Amino acid sequence: MKITTVDPPREYQCGFDIKRTIRDCARVQLEADEQITFLADCGAEYDVTKKDFGFYATPSTNGRLARFGLRTAIARNRLGQLFVLLVERGKEPLFDRYLGEEKMQLVAWLDTDDQAEALVRDLQT
C-alpha cells in the first residue's frame, strides 16, 4: 500500500444550487487483496478492498455496513447519474435535506435483507 498525503489539501466546489467545498486530503494505492478501513466518530467502519479485477467498493450493504449503523442508499442526481451513499443511522433527516437541496432522488435503500431481496426480484423481472 502506498499513501500520499495532499498537503495542503486540494479544495474544489461541488453541488448545483448549493456549493459545498470538498478537501481532497490523500491518495491511497492498494495492491490486490489489500484493504483500507475508514472509521467514523460514531464507531462505524467502512472498508474498501482492492481485488485483481477492480474493487469491492463497500462491505455487504445488508451485513457489515448495517451492523455498523450505516444505511446504504442508491440515489440519482438531476443528470441521471447514480451514487452509492452511506447514511449513519439516525441521520436520515440530514440525508433527506441533502437530497432535497441537491434535487436528488432516492432510488433504493439496500441495508436490510428484505430490501436486498426486493431489488434482486425487481432486477430479475
N, C-alpha and C. Protein backbone atom coordinates (compact mmCIF):
# COMPACT_ATOMS: atom_id res chain seq x y z
N MET A 1 0.85 -1.17 0.00
CA MET A 1 0.00 0.00 0.00
C MET A 1 0.90 1.23 0.00
N LYS A 2 0.47 2.22 -0.76
CA LYS A 2 1.20 3.48 -0.80
C LYS A 2 0.21 4.61 -0.48
N ILE A 3 0.54 5.43 0.53
CA ILE A 3 -0.30 6.57 0.91
C ILE A 3 0.46 7.84 0.62
N THR A 4 -0.16 8.75 -0.10
CA THR A 4 0.41 10.06 -0.39
C THR A 4 -0.55 11.12 0.13
N THR A 5 -0.10 11.89 1.10
CA THR A 5 -0.96 12.96 1.61
C THR A 5 -0.92 14.15 0.65
N VAL A 6 -2.00 14.86 0.61
CA VAL A 6 -2.10 16.08 -0.20
C VAL A 6 -2.10 17.23 0.80
N ASP A 7 -0.97 17.91 0.91
CA ASP A 7 -0.80 18.94 1.93
C ASP A 7 -0.22 20.20 1.30
N PRO A 8 -1.00 21.24 1.21
CA PRO A 8 -2.34 21.39 1.75
C PRO A 8 -3.35 20.64 0.87
N PRO A 9 -4.48 20.27 1.45
CA PRO A 9 -5.50 19.56 0.66
C PRO A 9 -5.96 20.40 -0.53
N ARG A 10 -6.20 19.70 -1.63
CA ARG A 10 -6.80 20.35 -2.80
C ARG A 10 -8.25 20.60 -2.48
N GLU A 11 -8.74 21.79 -2.72
CA GLU A 11 -10.14 22.13 -2.46
C GLU A 11 -10.85 22.37 -3.77
N TYR A 12 -12.08 21.88 -3.83
CA TYR A 12 -12.91 22.13 -5.01
C TYR A 12 -14.37 22.23 -4.60
N GLN A 13 -15.14 22.85 -5.46
CA GLN A 13 -16.56 23.07 -5.22
C GLN A 13 -17.37 21.98 -5.91
N CYS A 14 -18.45 21.57 -5.26
CA CYS A 14 -19.39 20.63 -5.88
C CYS A 14 -20.80 21.07 -5.53
N GLY A 15 -21.76 20.47 -6.20
CA GLY A 15 -23.15 20.83 -5.97
C GLY A 15 -23.66 21.71 -7.08
N PHE A 16 -24.96 21.71 -7.25
CA PHE A 16 -25.58 22.51 -8.30
C PHE A 16 -26.01 23.86 -7.76
N ASP A 17 -27.03 23.88 -6.92
CA ASP A 17 -27.57 25.13 -6.42
C ASP A 17 -26.85 25.61 -5.16
N ILE A 18 -26.48 24.67 -4.31
CA ILE A 18 -25.74 24.99 -3.09
C ILE A 18 -24.32 24.46 -3.27
N LYS A 19 -23.36 25.33 -3.29
CA LYS A 19 -21.97 24.92 -3.47
C LYS A 19 -21.38 24.48 -2.14
N ARG A 20 -20.70 23.35 -2.17
CA ARG A 20 -20.01 22.83 -0.99
C ARG A 20 -18.54 22.66 -1.34
N THR A 21 -17.68 22.85 -0.36
CA THR A 21 -16.25 22.69 -0.58
C THR A 21 -15.81 21.32 -0.10
N ILE A 22 -15.14 20.60 -0.96
CA ILE A 22 -14.57 19.29 -0.63
C ILE A 22 -13.06 19.48 -0.53
N ARG A 23 -12.46 18.83 0.47
CA ARG A 23 -11.00 18.87 0.63
C ARG A 23 -10.44 17.48 0.32
N ASP A 24 -9.66 17.40 -0.72
CA ASP A 24 -9.02 16.16 -1.16
C ASP A 24 -7.71 16.02 -0.40
N CYS A 25 -7.63 15.07 0.55
CA CYS A 25 -6.54 15.02 1.53
C CYS A 25 -5.46 13.98 1.25
N ALA A 26 -5.76 12.91 0.51
CA ALA A 26 -4.77 11.85 0.35
C ALA A 26 -5.08 10.97 -0.85
N ARG A 27 -4.07 10.25 -1.27
CA ARG A 27 -4.17 9.22 -2.29
C ARG A 27 -3.71 7.92 -1.65
N VAL A 28 -4.45 6.84 -1.88
CA VAL A 28 -4.07 5.52 -1.37
C VAL A 28 -4.04 4.57 -2.56
N GLN A 29 -2.90 3.95 -2.77
CA GLN A 29 -2.76 2.97 -3.85
C GLN A 29 -2.63 1.59 -3.22
N LEU A 30 -3.58 0.71 -3.52
CA LEU A 30 -3.60 -0.63 -2.97
C LEU A 30 -3.19 -1.66 -4.01
N GLU A 31 -2.58 -2.72 -3.54
CA GLU A 31 -2.32 -3.89 -4.37
C GLU A 31 -3.52 -4.83 -4.21
N ALA A 32 -3.61 -5.84 -5.08
CA ALA A 32 -4.70 -6.80 -5.00
C ALA A 32 -4.74 -7.43 -3.61
N ASP A 33 -5.95 -7.58 -3.08
CA ASP A 33 -6.23 -8.18 -1.78
C ASP A 33 -5.71 -7.36 -0.60
N GLU A 34 -5.55 -6.07 -0.80
CA GLU A 34 -5.28 -5.16 0.31
C GLU A 34 -6.55 -4.37 0.58
N GLN A 35 -6.71 -3.96 1.82
CA GLN A 35 -7.92 -3.26 2.27
C GLN A 35 -7.54 -2.06 3.12
N ILE A 36 -8.33 -1.01 3.01
CA ILE A 36 -8.24 0.11 3.94
C ILE A 36 -9.59 0.24 4.64
N THR A 37 -9.56 0.70 5.87
CA THR A 37 -10.77 0.88 6.66
C THR A 37 -10.87 2.32 7.10
N PHE A 38 -12.02 2.93 6.82
CA PHE A 38 -12.32 4.28 7.26
C PHE A 38 -13.13 4.18 8.54
N LEU A 39 -12.82 5.02 9.52
CA LEU A 39 -13.50 4.99 10.81
C LEU A 39 -14.28 6.29 11.00
N ALA A 40 -15.49 6.17 11.53
CA ALA A 40 -16.33 7.35 11.83
C ALA A 40 -16.38 7.54 13.34
N ASP A 41 -16.64 8.76 13.76
CA ASP A 41 -16.74 9.06 15.18
C ASP A 41 -17.81 8.22 15.87
N CYS A 42 -18.84 7.83 15.14
CA CYS A 42 -19.94 7.05 15.73
C CYS A 42 -19.58 5.58 15.92
N GLY A 43 -18.38 5.18 15.50
CA GLY A 43 -17.96 3.80 15.63
C GLY A 43 -18.12 2.98 14.36
N ALA A 44 -18.69 3.56 13.33
CA ALA A 44 -18.88 2.84 12.07
C ALA A 44 -17.54 2.63 11.38
N GLU A 45 -17.47 1.56 10.63
CA GLU A 45 -16.31 1.26 9.81
C GLU A 45 -16.76 1.06 8.37
N TYR A 46 -15.92 1.48 7.44
CA TYR A 46 -16.21 1.34 6.02
C TYR A 46 -14.92 0.87 5.34
N ASP A 47 -14.99 -0.29 4.70
CA ASP A 47 -13.81 -0.88 4.07
C ASP A 47 -13.88 -0.74 2.56
N VAL A 48 -12.70 -0.58 1.95
CA VAL A 48 -12.54 -0.68 0.51
C VAL A 48 -11.44 -1.72 0.30
N THR A 49 -11.72 -2.71 -0.53
CA THR A 49 -10.78 -3.78 -0.77
C THR A 49 -10.42 -3.83 -2.25
N LYS A 50 -9.13 -3.85 -2.55
CA LYS A 50 -8.65 -3.97 -3.93
C LYS A 50 -8.59 -5.45 -4.30
N LYS A 51 -9.13 -5.77 -5.44
CA LYS A 51 -9.05 -7.13 -5.98
C LYS A 51 -8.31 -7.07 -7.31
N ASP A 52 -7.91 -8.20 -7.84
CA ASP A 52 -7.20 -8.18 -9.13
C ASP A 52 -8.11 -7.72 -10.26
N PHE A 53 -9.45 -7.83 -10.09
CA PHE A 53 -10.40 -7.39 -11.11
C PHE A 53 -10.87 -5.95 -10.94
N GLY A 54 -10.57 -5.35 -9.79
CA GLY A 54 -11.05 -3.99 -9.51
C GLY A 54 -11.15 -3.78 -8.01
N PHE A 55 -12.36 -3.43 -7.50
CA PHE A 55 -12.55 -3.13 -6.08
C PHE A 55 -13.85 -3.71 -5.57
N TYR A 56 -13.86 -4.08 -4.30
CA TYR A 56 -15.08 -4.16 -3.52
C TYR A 56 -15.25 -2.74 -2.99
N ALA A 57 -16.23 -2.01 -3.49
CA ALA A 57 -16.40 -0.61 -3.10
C ALA A 57 -17.00 -0.46 -1.71
N THR A 58 -17.72 -1.47 -1.25
CA THR A 58 -18.31 -1.44 0.09
C THR A 58 -18.30 -2.84 0.67
N PRO A 59 -18.34 -2.95 1.99
CA PRO A 59 -18.67 -4.24 2.59
C PRO A 59 -20.13 -4.57 2.25
N SER A 60 -20.62 -5.71 2.69
CA SER A 60 -22.00 -6.09 2.40
C SER A 60 -22.95 -5.02 2.94
N THR A 61 -23.84 -4.58 2.07
CA THR A 61 -24.74 -3.48 2.43
C THR A 61 -25.75 -3.89 3.48
N ASN A 62 -26.19 -5.14 3.43
CA ASN A 62 -27.19 -5.62 4.39
C ASN A 62 -26.55 -6.53 5.44
N GLY A 63 -25.24 -6.43 5.58
CA GLY A 63 -24.49 -7.20 6.56
C GLY A 63 -23.62 -6.28 7.41
N ARG A 64 -22.33 -6.20 7.08
CA ARG A 64 -21.39 -5.43 7.90
C ARG A 64 -21.76 -3.95 8.00
N LEU A 65 -22.11 -3.32 6.88
CA LEU A 65 -22.45 -1.89 6.95
C LEU A 65 -23.64 -1.67 7.88
N ALA A 66 -24.66 -2.50 7.73
CA ALA A 66 -25.86 -2.36 8.57
C ALA A 66 -25.50 -2.58 10.04
N ARG A 67 -24.65 -3.57 10.32
CA ARG A 67 -24.25 -3.82 11.72
C ARG A 67 -23.48 -2.63 12.30
N PHE A 68 -22.77 -1.89 11.46
CA PHE A 68 -22.03 -0.71 11.92
C PHE A 68 -22.90 0.54 11.92
N GLY A 69 -24.19 0.40 11.64
CA GLY A 69 -25.09 1.55 11.70
C GLY A 69 -25.05 2.43 10.47
N LEU A 70 -24.60 1.87 9.36
CA LEU A 70 -24.58 2.61 8.09
C LEU A 70 -25.64 2.05 7.16
N ARG A 71 -26.51 2.92 6.68
CA ARG A 71 -27.55 2.54 5.73
C ARG A 71 -27.06 2.86 4.34
N THR A 72 -27.17 1.90 3.44
CA THR A 72 -26.73 2.09 2.06
C THR A 72 -27.91 2.57 1.22
N ALA A 73 -27.68 3.66 0.51
CA ALA A 73 -28.71 4.22 -0.37
C ALA A 73 -28.15 4.35 -1.78
N ILE A 74 -29.01 4.11 -2.75
CA ILE A 74 -28.71 4.42 -4.14
C ILE A 74 -29.54 5.67 -4.45
N ALA A 75 -28.88 6.69 -4.96
CA ALA A 75 -29.57 7.94 -5.30
C ALA A 75 -29.16 8.37 -6.70
N ARG A 76 -30.05 9.14 -7.31
CA ARG A 76 -29.81 9.64 -8.67
C ARG A 76 -29.87 11.15 -8.67
N ASN A 77 -28.90 11.78 -9.34
CA ASN A 77 -28.91 13.24 -9.41
C ASN A 77 -29.70 13.71 -10.63
N ARG A 78 -29.78 15.00 -10.79
CA ARG A 78 -30.60 15.58 -11.87
C ARG A 78 -30.06 15.30 -13.26
N LEU A 79 -28.81 14.83 -13.34
CA LEU A 79 -28.23 14.46 -14.63
C LEU A 79 -28.42 12.97 -14.94
N GLY A 80 -29.06 12.25 -14.00
CA GLY A 80 -29.29 10.82 -14.18
C GLY A 80 -28.14 9.96 -13.69
N GLN A 81 -27.13 10.56 -13.06
CA GLN A 81 -26.01 9.80 -12.53
C GLN A 81 -26.40 9.14 -11.22
N LEU A 82 -25.94 7.90 -11.03
CA LEU A 82 -26.24 7.14 -9.81
C LEU A 82 -25.08 7.21 -8.83
N PHE A 83 -25.42 7.24 -7.53
CA PHE A 83 -24.43 7.30 -6.47
C PHE A 83 -24.80 6.31 -5.38
N VAL A 84 -23.79 5.69 -4.79
CA VAL A 84 -23.95 4.87 -3.60
C VAL A 84 -23.57 5.75 -2.42
N LEU A 85 -24.51 5.94 -1.50
CA LEU A 85 -24.27 6.81 -0.35
C LEU A 85 -24.48 5.99 0.92
N LEU A 86 -23.66 6.26 1.93
CA LEU A 86 -23.78 5.59 3.22
C LEU A 86 -24.26 6.60 4.24
N VAL A 87 -25.37 6.31 4.88
CA VAL A 87 -26.02 7.24 5.79
C VAL A 87 -25.95 6.67 7.21
N GLU A 88 -25.41 7.44 8.15
CA GLU A 88 -25.38 6.99 9.53
C GLU A 88 -26.82 6.88 10.05
N ARG A 89 -27.12 5.72 10.65
CA ARG A 89 -28.46 5.52 11.21
C ARG A 89 -28.76 6.65 12.19
N GLY A 90 -29.95 7.24 12.08
CA GLY A 90 -30.35 8.37 12.90
C GLY A 90 -30.12 9.71 12.22
N LYS A 91 -29.33 9.71 11.14
CA LYS A 91 -29.07 10.97 10.41
C LYS A 91 -29.84 11.04 9.10
N GLU A 92 -30.89 10.23 9.00
CA GLU A 92 -31.72 10.24 7.80
C GLU A 92 -32.33 11.61 7.52
N PRO A 93 -32.75 12.39 8.56
CA PRO A 93 -33.27 13.74 8.25
C PRO A 93 -32.22 14.63 7.57
N LEU A 94 -30.97 14.52 7.97
CA LEU A 94 -29.91 15.30 7.30
C LEU A 94 -29.73 14.83 5.86
N PHE A 95 -29.82 13.53 5.67
CA PHE A 95 -29.71 12.95 4.33
C PHE A 95 -30.87 13.42 3.45
N ASP A 96 -32.08 13.38 3.99
CA ASP A 96 -33.25 13.84 3.24
C ASP A 96 -33.10 15.30 2.85
N ARG A 97 -32.60 16.11 3.77
CA ARG A 97 -32.38 17.52 3.46
C ARG A 97 -31.36 17.68 2.33
N TYR A 98 -30.27 16.91 2.41
CA TYR A 98 -29.25 16.96 1.36
C TYR A 98 -29.84 16.57 0.00
N LEU A 99 -30.62 15.47 -0.02
CA LEU A 99 -31.24 15.07 -1.29
C LEU A 99 -32.11 16.18 -1.84
N GLY A 100 -32.87 16.83 -0.99
CA GLY A 100 -33.72 17.93 -1.43
C GLY A 100 -32.91 19.10 -1.95
N GLU A 101 -31.86 19.47 -1.23
CA GLU A 101 -31.02 20.60 -1.67
C GLU A 101 -30.37 20.33 -3.02
N GLU A 102 -29.97 19.08 -3.24
CA GLU A 102 -29.29 18.72 -4.49
C GLU A 102 -30.26 18.23 -5.57
N LYS A 103 -31.56 18.23 -5.23
CA LYS A 103 -32.58 17.73 -6.16
C LYS A 103 -32.24 16.32 -6.63
N MET A 104 -31.85 15.49 -5.66
CA MET A 104 -31.55 14.09 -5.93
C MET A 104 -32.75 13.24 -5.55
N GLN A 105 -32.85 12.09 -6.17
CA GLN A 105 -33.95 11.16 -5.92
C GLN A 105 -33.39 9.90 -5.26
N LEU A 106 -34.00 9.49 -4.15
CA LEU A 106 -33.64 8.22 -3.54
C LEU A 106 -34.20 7.11 -4.42
N VAL A 107 -33.34 6.25 -4.91
CA VAL A 107 -33.76 5.13 -5.76
C VAL A 107 -34.10 3.93 -4.90
N ALA A 108 -33.22 3.62 -3.92
CA ALA A 108 -33.46 2.45 -3.07
C ALA A 108 -32.56 2.49 -1.85
N TRP A 109 -33.08 1.95 -0.75
CA TRP A 109 -32.27 1.62 0.41
C TRP A 109 -31.84 0.17 0.22
N LEU A 110 -30.62 -0.17 0.64
CA LEU A 110 -30.11 -1.54 0.47
C LEU A 110 -29.54 -2.09 1.77
N ASP A 111 -30.06 -1.67 2.91
CA ASP A 111 -29.44 -2.04 4.18
C ASP A 111 -30.16 -3.15 4.94
N THR A 112 -31.25 -3.70 4.40
CA THR A 112 -31.91 -4.82 5.06
C THR A 112 -32.01 -5.99 4.08
N ASP A 113 -32.17 -7.18 4.63
CA ASP A 113 -32.32 -8.35 3.78
C ASP A 113 -33.56 -8.22 2.89
N ASP A 114 -34.67 -7.69 3.44
CA ASP A 114 -35.89 -7.52 2.65
C ASP A 114 -35.66 -6.58 1.47
N GLN A 115 -34.96 -5.49 1.70
CA GLN A 115 -34.69 -4.54 0.62
C GLN A 115 -33.78 -5.17 -0.44
N ALA A 116 -32.79 -5.93 -0.01
CA ALA A 116 -31.89 -6.60 -0.96
C ALA A 116 -32.66 -7.63 -1.79
N GLU A 117 -33.53 -8.39 -1.13
CA GLU A 117 -34.33 -9.39 -1.85
C GLU A 117 -35.29 -8.73 -2.85
N ALA A 118 -35.89 -7.61 -2.46
CA ALA A 118 -36.80 -6.89 -3.36
C ALA A 118 -36.04 -6.39 -4.59
N LEU A 119 -34.83 -5.89 -4.38
CA LEU A 119 -34.03 -5.42 -5.52
C LEU A 119 -33.71 -6.58 -6.46
N VAL A 120 -33.30 -7.69 -5.91
CA VAL A 120 -32.99 -8.86 -6.74
C VAL A 120 -34.22 -9.29 -7.53
N ARG A 121 -35.38 -9.36 -6.86
CA ARG A 121 -36.63 -9.73 -7.56
C ARG A 121 -36.92 -8.74 -8.69
N ASP A 122 -36.80 -7.43 -8.40
CA ASP A 122 -37.10 -6.42 -9.42
C ASP A 122 -36.16 -6.53 -10.61
N LEU A 123 -34.91 -6.82 -10.36
CA LEU A 123 -33.94 -6.91 -11.45
C LEU A 123 -34.08 -8.18 -12.28
N GLN A 124 -34.69 -9.20 -11.70
CA GLN A 124 -34.87 -10.47 -12.42
C GLN A 124 -36.13 -10.50 -13.26
N THR A 125 -37.00 -9.50 -13.12
CA THR A 125 -38.23 -9.50 -13.90
C THR A 125 -38.08 -8.68 -15.15
